[in-house]
Amino acid sequence: MATTILTSRITSFLERRLAPTTTIHGVLCDVYGVGMLITGSSGIGKSETALELVKRGHRLIADDAVEIRQTSDFQLHGTAPELIRHLLEIRGVGIINVMTLFGAGAVRNNKRITLVVRLEAWQQDKQYDRLGLDEETTRIIDTDVPLVTIPVRPGRNLAVIIEVAAMNYRLKQMGLNAALQFTNKLTATIAEDMDDLD
């Protein structure tokens, strides 16, 4: 093997092996090309949401335990432990093999994590972000990742909300921020009304 190819492969191998790693309790899905890590307390509905996302054509990477590796350029890549790869646990049904049920197109072995969705039980007295201007982040290993908190309440379609969160994230990456545009438009309208009163 040529020296340059050998050293390149050795470097790549060592970066993978020596990269900082952690394991997080959650579900990792590929939604419209966005690696979404869904977290929340046990029994909140993470796996059921992942199942609905798979049914809607998205892909499962890991359920229950997500192994995360941070690369040298501070990117986070998630995968499933070998033992539970392609498996999904649904309370009342048991463990299902997503690849067997939905086909090879319903799973991936790894995905870069670009957005964290935290599911939490709806709290009546808590103020939730209604405009989307507050951009939260959460730290995994040494990397800050955008965070979206979704309150869980009976009747809310979490899969659709997560799909919209993924599409909205992609739009923000392209420079289109609907919340900011709305706020600017509202400010301009208020300013015009104030000028008319004067």
Protein backbone atom coordinates (compact mmCIF):
# COMPACT_ATOMS: atom_id res chain seq x y z
CA MET A 1 0.00 0.00 0.00
CA ALA A 2 1.27 3.48 -0.84
CA THR A 3 2.58 5.45 2.15
CA THR A 4 0.12 8.35 1.72
CA ILE A 5 -2.88 5.99 1.60
CA LEU A 6 -1.62 4.01 4.61
CA THR A 7 -1.01 7.09 6.77
CA SER A 8 -4.39 8.52 5.76
CA ARG A 9 -6.16 5.31 6.76
CA ILE A 10 -4.25 5.03 10.03
CA THR A 11 -5.06 8.66 10.90
CA SER A 12 -8.73 8.13 10.10
CA PHE A 13 -8.80 4.92 12.15
CA LEU A 14 -7.13 6.56 15.16
CA GLU A 15 -9.46 9.59 15.00
CA ARG A 16 -12.46 7.26 15.13
CA ARG A 17 -11.04 5.09 17.92
CA LEU A 18 -9.73 7.91 20.12
CA ALA A 19 -12.61 10.37 19.62
CA PRO A 20 -14.50 11.45 22.76
CA THR A 21 -17.66 9.34 23.13
CA THR A 22 -20.75 9.23 25.30
CA THR A 23 -24.04 7.34 25.42
CA ILE A 24 -27.33 9.21 25.78
CA HIS A 25 -30.79 7.81 26.56
CA GLY A 26 -32.95 8.81 23.62
CA VAL A 27 -33.88 8.14 20.00
CA LEU A 28 -31.94 9.24 16.91
CA CYS A 29 -33.81 9.69 13.62
CA ASP A 30 -33.03 11.10 10.20
CA VAL A 31 -35.91 13.49 9.42
CA TYR A 32 -35.66 15.24 6.04
CA GLY A 33 -31.88 14.85 6.23
CA VAL A 34 -31.68 16.40 9.71
CA GLY A 35 -30.16 14.19 12.42
CA MET A 36 -32.64 14.65 15.29
CA LEU A 37 -31.84 13.35 18.77
CA ILE A 38 -35.14 12.96 20.64
CA THR A 39 -34.72 13.00 24.42
CA GLY A 40 -37.05 13.07 27.40
CA SER A 41 -38.00 11.14 30.51
CA SER A 42 -38.81 7.44 30.33
CA GLY A 43 -42.34 6.76 29.04
CA ILE A 44 -42.80 10.23 27.49
CA GLY A 45 -43.32 8.74 24.00
CA LYS A 46 -39.94 8.86 22.27
CA SER A 47 -40.13 5.38 20.71
CA GLU A 48 -43.77 5.78 19.66
CA THR A 49 -42.87 9.08 17.98
CA ALA A 50 -39.94 7.38 16.22
CA LEU A 51 -42.28 4.63 14.98
CA GLU A 52 -44.66 7.22 13.55
CA LEU A 53 -41.73 9.01 11.88
CA VAL A 54 -40.58 5.72 10.29
CA LYS A 55 -44.13 5.10 9.05
CA ARG A 56 -44.03 8.56 7.46
CA GLY A 57 -40.88 7.67 5.48
CA HIS A 58 -38.08 8.84 7.79
CA ARG A 59 -35.23 6.69 9.07
CA LEU A 60 -34.31 5.26 12.46
CA ILE A 61 -30.70 5.20 13.60
CA ALA A 62 -30.98 4.27 17.29
CA ASP A 63 -33.61 3.70 19.96
CA ASP A 64 -33.15 3.81 23.73
CA ALA A 65 -29.33 4.18 23.74
CA VAL A 66 -27.50 6.46 21.30
CA GLU A 67 -23.72 6.17 21.14
CA ILE A 68 -22.30 9.59 20.24
CA ARG A 69 -18.80 10.29 18.96
CA GLN A 70 -17.32 13.79 18.62
CA THR A 71 -14.98 14.25 15.66
CA SER A 72 -11.97 16.54 15.55
CA ASP A 73 -14.05 19.30 13.90
CA PHE A 74 -16.60 19.19 16.78
CA GLN A 75 -19.29 17.34 14.85
CA LEU A 76 -21.40 14.76 16.67
CA HIS A 77 -22.16 11.43 15.04
CA GLY A 78 -24.65 9.01 16.56
CA THR A 79 -25.09 5.28 16.12
CA ALA A 80 -26.82 2.39 17.87
CA PRO A 81 -25.05 -0.23 19.98
CA GLU A 82 -24.62 -3.42 17.93
CA LEU A 83 -26.97 -5.39 20.20
CA ILE A 84 -30.02 -3.13 19.60
CA ARG A 85 -29.31 -1.90 16.06
CA HIS A 86 -32.51 -1.50 13.97
CA LEU A 87 -34.66 -2.47 16.99
CA LEU A 88 -37.45 -0.38 18.50
CA GLU A 89 -39.20 -1.03 21.81
CA ILE A 90 -42.90 -0.21 21.92
CA ARG A 91 -44.63 -0.64 25.28
CA GLY A 92 -47.49 -3.11 24.98
CA VAL A 93 -46.15 -4.57 21.73
CA GLY A 94 -42.56 -5.39 22.60
CA ILE A 95 -39.38 -5.21 20.54
CA ILE A 96 -39.78 -4.85 16.77
CA ASN A 97 -37.19 -5.01 14.00
CA VAL A 98 -37.70 -1.85 11.96
CA MET A 99 -35.66 -3.06 8.99
CA THR A 100 -37.64 -6.31 8.76
CA LEU A 101 -41.02 -4.58 9.07
CA PHE A 102 -40.43 -1.45 6.98
CA GLY A 103 -37.47 -2.35 4.76
CA ALA A 104 -33.82 -1.32 4.47
CA GLY A 105 -34.81 2.25 3.55
CA ALA A 106 -36.28 2.78 7.04
CA VAL A 107 -32.94 2.54 8.86
CA ARG A 108 -29.45 4.03 8.87
CA ASN A 109 -26.35 2.91 10.74
CA ASN A 110 -25.16 6.40 11.73
CA LYS A 111 -26.06 10.06 11.34
CA ARG A 112 -24.62 13.43 12.27
CA ILE A 113 -26.63 15.03 15.09
CA THR A 114 -27.65 18.59 14.23
CA LEU A 115 -30.77 19.16 16.36
CA VAL A 116 -31.93 17.95 19.79
CA VAL A 117 -35.67 17.69 20.51
CA ARG A 118 -36.56 17.43 24.18
CA LEU A 119 -40.02 16.05 24.96
CA GLU A 120 -41.42 17.06 28.33
CA ALA A 121 -44.79 16.70 30.05
CA TRP A 122 -46.99 19.78 29.57
CA GLN A 123 -46.86 22.09 32.59
CA GLN A 124 -49.83 24.43 32.90
CA ASP A 125 -47.90 27.17 34.70
CA LYS A 126 -44.83 27.11 32.42
CA GLN A 127 -44.35 29.66 29.65
CA TYR A 128 -43.41 27.98 26.37
CA ASP A 129 -41.80 29.76 23.43
CA ARG A 130 -44.59 30.61 20.98
CA LEU A 131 -42.67 32.65 18.42
CA GLY A 132 -39.47 30.66 18.05
CA LEU A 133 -37.15 33.59 18.73
CA ASP A 134 -35.52 32.01 21.78
CA GLU A 135 -32.80 29.78 20.39
CA GLU A 136 -31.70 27.31 23.05
CA THR A 137 -28.71 24.99 22.87
CA THR A 138 -27.58 21.95 24.81
CA ARG A 139 -24.02 20.72 25.25
CA ILE A 140 -23.06 17.18 24.29
CA ILE A 141 -19.42 16.36 25.08
CA ASP A 142 -17.82 19.68 23.97
CA THR A 143 -20.31 20.67 21.25
CA ASP A 144 -23.32 22.99 21.54
CA VAL A 145 -26.33 21.69 19.59
CA PRO A 146 -29.58 23.62 18.89
CA LEU A 147 -32.37 22.50 21.23
CA VAL A 148 -36.15 22.53 20.73
CA THR A 149 -38.41 21.76 23.70
CA ILE A 150 -41.81 20.28 22.80
CA PRO A 151 -44.46 19.97 25.52
CA VAL A 152 -46.31 16.64 25.34
CA ARG A 153 -50.07 16.72 25.76
CA PRO A 154 -52.86 14.31 24.71
CA GLY A 155 -53.97 15.03 21.13
CA ARG A 156 -50.69 16.59 19.96
CA ASN A 157 -49.21 14.88 16.89
CA LEU A 158 -45.56 14.77 17.91
CA ALA A 159 -44.35 13.24 14.63
CA VAL A 160 -45.79 16.12 12.59
CA ILE A 161 -44.39 18.70 15.04
CA ILE A 162 -40.93 17.10 14.79
CA GLU A 163 -41.16 17.08 10.98
CA VAL A 164 -41.97 20.80 11.04
CA ALA A 165 -39.09 21.43 13.48
CA ALA A 166 -36.72 19.69 11.03
CA MET A 167 -38.00 21.71 8.05
CA ASN A 168 -37.84 24.94 10.05
CA TYR A 169 -34.24 24.15 11.08
CA ARG A 170 -33.29 23.64 7.43
CA LEU A 171 -34.91 26.96 6.48
CA LYS A 172 -32.97 28.74 9.23
CA GLN A 173 -29.75 27.21 7.89
CA MET A 174 -30.64 28.77 4.52
CA GLY A 175 -31.19 32.17 6.14
CA LEU A 176 -35.01 32.13 6.30
CA ASN A 177 -36.29 32.76 9.83
CA ALA A 178 -40.11 33.02 9.89
CA ALA A 179 -40.21 34.20 13.53
CA LEU A 180 -37.71 37.00 12.84
CA GLN A 181 -39.56 38.07 9.69
CA PHE A 182 -42.85 38.17 11.63
CA THR A 183 -41.29 40.21 14.46
CA ASN A 184 -39.76 42.71 12.03
CA LYS A 185 -43.08 43.05 10.18
CA LEU A 186 -44.96 43.51 13.47
CA THR A 187 -42.47 46.17 14.64
CA ALA A 188 -42.82 48.04 11.33
CA THR A 189 -46.64 47.92 11.55
CA ILE A 190 -46.61 49.25 15.13
CA ALA A 191 -44.21 52.04 14.11
CA GLU A 192 -46.52 53.02 11.21
CA ASP A 193 -49.55 53.08 13.54
CA MET A 194 -47.66 55.28 16.00
CA ASP A 195 -46.72 57.69 13.19
CA ASP A 196 -50.38 57.89 12.13
CA LEU A 197 -51.41 58.77 15.70
CA ASP A 198 -48.84 61.59 15.78
